[in-house]
């Protein structure tokens, strides 16, 4: 059934955090792609991957009045995940996804609980890590120590995580329709979809 956006909030429950739609994002300034790093280059605001060791885990911050996540280790529930929409333009979908990730971490989710999928241009972190080769890139995924960013077309290769954030940042409705079902099967507790609400609901209404 199509979902209707609501006012932005996050609720922690037994099913995991709830992220409800925020206002549509407008086009943002293109993100700079990280340059070469001899040891470690942290992503803005939180530690990034360190070579040759796996990326440093970003410790979740406790927020007064919130209920901490039930588990700090990646796991997938047998229950059907919640689906939350964050309305965003194609240009603003990746920024919306980043904001959702930050909010999830601030409300107690462990970094290794979160998988971010993009339908268009890859996240700068993913593009940078892929420059070291496919094997090294997927080794970071297997380590499960940090938020992992991947192309939505490769969702079948990614393991399930409690929270999947899906950024419809390109490729059109066809790319979303092809990748959203795989994203849903990999979300244990919560699937957050950032993009055009009409397109999202048309895919969801088609039986995803």
Protein backbone atom coordinates (compact mmCIF):
# COMPACT_ATOMS: atom_id res chain seq x y z
CA UNK A 1 0.00 0.00 0.00
CA UNK A 2 1.45 3.49 -0.83
CA UNK A 3 2.90 5.35 2.14
CA UNK A 4 2.00 8.94 3.05
CA UNK A 5 4.82 11.24 4.27
CA UNK A 6 4.46 12.69 7.76
CA UNK A 7 6.29 15.22 9.91
CA UNK A 8 10.00 14.28 10.54
CA UNK A 9 10.60 12.26 13.70
CA UNK A 10 12.57 9.25 14.85
CA UNK A 11 11.11 6.72 17.27
CA UNK A 12 13.00 3.83 18.76
CA UNK A 13 10.88 0.72 19.22
CA UNK A 14 11.27 -3.01 19.37
CA UNK A 15 11.25 -2.95 15.57
CA UNK A 16 14.10 -0.46 15.36
CA UNK A 17 14.26 3.31 14.81
CA UNK A 18 11.54 5.05 12.81
CA UNK A 19 12.44 7.83 10.42
CA UNK A 20 9.50 9.69 8.95
CA UNK A 21 9.61 11.91 5.89
CA UNK A 22 11.28 15.30 6.01
CA UNK A 23 10.85 18.21 3.61
CA UNK A 24 12.00 17.70 0.03
CA UNK A 25 15.61 18.46 -0.56
CA UNK A 26 16.79 20.74 -3.32
CA UNK A 27 19.93 20.33 -5.42
CA UNK A 28 23.06 20.34 -3.35
CA UNK A 29 26.63 21.26 -4.14
CA UNK A 30 28.39 18.16 -5.55
CA UNK A 31 30.30 16.20 -2.92
CA UNK A 32 34.08 16.21 -3.34
CA UNK A 33 35.57 12.76 -3.88
CA UNK A 34 38.21 11.99 -1.21
CA UNK A 35 41.78 12.07 -2.46
CA UNK A 36 44.51 9.52 -1.69
CA UNK A 37 45.21 8.99 1.99
CA UNK A 38 48.46 7.56 3.35
CA UNK A 39 46.92 6.30 6.56
CA UNK A 40 43.36 7.41 7.26
CA UNK A 41 41.05 10.16 6.10
CA UNK A 42 37.98 10.46 8.34
CA UNK A 43 34.67 11.25 6.76
CA UNK A 44 33.24 14.61 7.88
CA UNK A 45 31.94 14.38 11.39
CA UNK A 46 32.87 10.80 12.15
CA UNK A 47 35.85 8.41 11.74
CA UNK A 48 36.35 6.74 8.38
CA UNK A 49 38.00 3.51 7.24
CA UNK A 50 41.63 2.98 8.21
CA UNK A 51 44.00 0.98 6.03
CA UNK A 52 45.19 -1.71 6.16
CA UNK A 53 42.96 -2.51 9.13
CA UNK A 54 39.10 -2.44 8.81
CA UNK A 55 37.41 0.97 9.27
CA UNK A 56 37.22 2.33 12.79
CA UNK A 57 33.78 1.86 14.29
CA UNK A 58 31.84 5.00 14.96
CA UNK A 59 30.55 4.75 18.51
CA UNK A 60 26.83 5.55 18.70
CA UNK A 61 26.00 8.55 20.83
CA UNK A 62 23.45 8.22 23.60
CA UNK A 63 20.54 10.64 23.37
CA UNK A 64 18.52 11.45 26.51
CA UNK A 65 15.05 10.02 26.38
CA UNK A 66 15.71 7.51 23.65
CA UNK A 67 15.71 3.75 23.93
CA UNK A 68 19.06 2.22 22.89
CA UNK A 69 19.13 -0.27 20.04
CA UNK A 70 18.48 -3.83 21.14
CA UNK A 71 21.68 -5.11 19.59
CA UNK A 72 25.00 -3.64 18.46
CA UNK A 73 25.78 -6.52 16.11
CA UNK A 74 24.34 -6.77 12.61
CA UNK A 75 21.40 -9.10 12.51
CA UNK A 76 18.28 -9.57 10.46
CA UNK A 77 14.85 -10.11 11.95
CA UNK A 78 12.40 -12.57 10.47
CA UNK A 79 9.65 -9.93 10.80
CA UNK A 80 8.64 -7.74 7.89
CA UNK A 81 10.62 -4.48 8.17
CA UNK A 82 9.02 -1.08 8.54
CA UNK A 83 9.23 1.15 5.46
CA UNK A 84 9.73 4.88 5.93
CA UNK A 85 9.85 7.54 3.22
CA UNK A 86 11.97 10.69 3.12
CA UNK A 87 10.82 12.87 0.22
CA UNK A 88 13.81 14.18 -1.75
CA UNK A 89 14.76 15.23 -5.26
CA UNK A 90 17.16 13.11 -7.27
CA UNK A 91 19.89 15.63 -6.47
CA UNK A 92 19.04 15.70 -2.76
CA UNK A 93 18.45 11.98 -2.15
CA UNK A 94 22.03 11.21 -1.14
CA UNK A 95 22.10 14.12 1.31
CA UNK A 96 18.79 12.92 2.75
CA UNK A 97 20.25 9.44 3.18
CA UNK A 98 23.31 10.86 4.95
CA UNK A 99 21.09 12.81 7.33
CA UNK A 100 19.11 9.65 8.06
CA UNK A 101 22.33 7.75 8.82
CA UNK A 102 23.52 10.49 11.18
CA UNK A 103 20.18 10.47 12.99
CA UNK A 104 20.22 6.68 13.31
CA UNK A 105 23.71 6.78 14.84
CA UNK A 106 22.73 9.58 17.22
CA UNK A 107 19.74 7.57 18.45
CA UNK A 108 21.77 4.47 19.28
CA UNK A 109 22.20 2.41 16.12
CA UNK A 110 25.61 0.79 15.70
CA UNK A 111 27.43 1.71 12.46
CA UNK A 112 27.57 -1.96 11.47
CA UNK A 113 23.76 -2.11 11.58
CA UNK A 114 23.40 0.17 8.55
CA UNK A 115 23.63 -0.51 4.81
CA UNK A 116 23.24 2.40 2.37
CA UNK A 117 22.28 1.68 -1.26
CA UNK A 118 22.39 4.23 -4.10
CA UNK A 119 20.69 3.94 -7.50
CA UNK A 120 22.73 6.66 -9.22
CA UNK A 121 26.21 8.03 -8.61
CA UNK A 122 28.03 6.09 -5.87
CA UNK A 123 28.64 7.64 -2.49
CA UNK A 124 32.15 9.23 -2.40
CA UNK A 125 33.18 6.73 0.29
CA UNK A 126 32.23 3.78 -1.91
CA UNK A 127 33.99 5.27 -4.93
CA UNK A 128 37.15 5.82 -2.89
CA UNK A 129 37.20 2.35 -1.35
CA UNK A 130 36.62 0.74 -4.74
CA UNK A 131 39.81 2.43 -5.93
CA UNK A 132 41.67 -0.10 -3.75
CA UNK A 133 40.00 -2.96 -5.59
CA UNK A 134 36.83 -5.05 -5.34
CA UNK A 135 38.35 -7.54 -2.89
CA UNK A 136 39.38 -4.88 -0.39
CA UNK A 137 36.06 -3.09 -0.77
CA UNK A 138 33.95 -6.17 -0.04
CA UNK A 139 36.29 -7.14 2.80
CA UNK A 140 35.12 -3.98 4.57
CA UNK A 141 31.54 -5.12 4.01
CA UNK A 142 32.30 -8.55 5.46
CA UNK A 143 34.00 -7.02 8.52
CA UNK A 144 30.73 -5.27 9.38
CA UNK A 145 32.42 -2.61 11.50
CA UNK A 146 30.99 0.47 9.85
CA UNK A 147 28.20 1.85 7.69
CA UNK A 148 28.61 0.28 4.25
CA UNK A 149 27.77 2.11 1.02
CA UNK A 150 27.03 0.15 -2.15
CA UNK A 151 25.43 0.41 -5.58
CA UNK A 152 21.80 -0.69 -5.34
CA UNK A 153 22.37 -2.89 -8.39
CA UNK A 154 24.75 -4.94 -6.21
CA UNK A 155 22.27 -5.32 -3.36
CA UNK A 156 22.07 -9.08 -3.92
CA UNK A 157 25.77 -9.33 -3.02
CA UNK A 158 25.33 -7.43 0.24
CA UNK A 159 24.42 -9.24 3.44
CA UNK A 160 21.31 -8.25 5.36
CA UNK A 161 21.54 -5.60 8.05
CA UNK A 162 18.95 -4.34 10.53
CA UNK A 163 18.59 -1.00 8.72
CA UNK A 164 18.85 -0.33 4.98
CA UNK A 165 18.85 3.26 3.70
CA UNK A 166 17.92 3.43 0.00
CA UNK A 167 18.84 6.63 -1.88
CA UNK A 168 17.06 6.99 -5.23
CA UNK A 169 19.67 9.46 -6.54
CA UNK A 170 19.52 8.55 -10.23
CA UNK A 171 18.67 5.93 -12.79
CA UNK A 172 14.96 6.78 -12.94
CA UNK A 173 11.96 4.76 -11.81
CA UNK A 174 13.28 1.67 -13.59
CA UNK A 175 16.43 1.55 -11.44
CA UNK A 176 14.34 1.96 -8.30
CA UNK A 177 11.85 -0.72 -9.32
CA UNK A 178 14.66 -3.17 -10.05
CA UNK A 179 16.62 -2.58 -6.83
CA UNK A 180 13.99 -1.77 -4.19
CA UNK A 181 12.79 -5.39 -3.76
CA UNK A 182 16.38 -6.52 -3.01
CA UNK A 183 16.81 -3.65 -0.56
CA UNK A 184 13.62 -4.69 1.23
CA UNK A 185 14.78 -8.30 1.60
CA UNK A 186 18.04 -7.10 3.21
CA UNK A 187 16.39 -4.85 5.79
CA UNK A 188 15.85 -6.65 9.06
CA UNK A 189 13.92 -3.98 10.97
CA UNK A 190 13.71 -0.80 8.90
CA UNK A 191 13.95 0.29 5.26
CA UNK A 192 14.33 4.04 4.73
CA UNK A 193 13.72 5.19 1.14
CA UNK A 194 14.89 8.66 0.11
CA UNK A 195 13.53 9.95 -3.19
CA UNK A 196 10.47 10.93 -5.18
CA UNK A 197 7.41 9.88 -3.17
CA UNK A 198 5.21 9.30 -6.23
CA UNK A 199 7.77 6.98 -7.81
CA UNK A 200 8.38 5.18 -4.52
CA UNK A 201 4.67 4.61 -3.94
CA UNK A 202 4.20 3.37 -7.49
CA UNK A 203 6.87 0.73 -6.89
CA UNK A 204 5.50 -0.17 -3.46
CA UNK A 205 2.00 -0.34 -4.87
CA UNK A 206 3.21 -2.79 -7.50
CA UNK A 207 3.75 -5.35 -4.75
CA UNK A 208 7.25 -4.68 -3.40
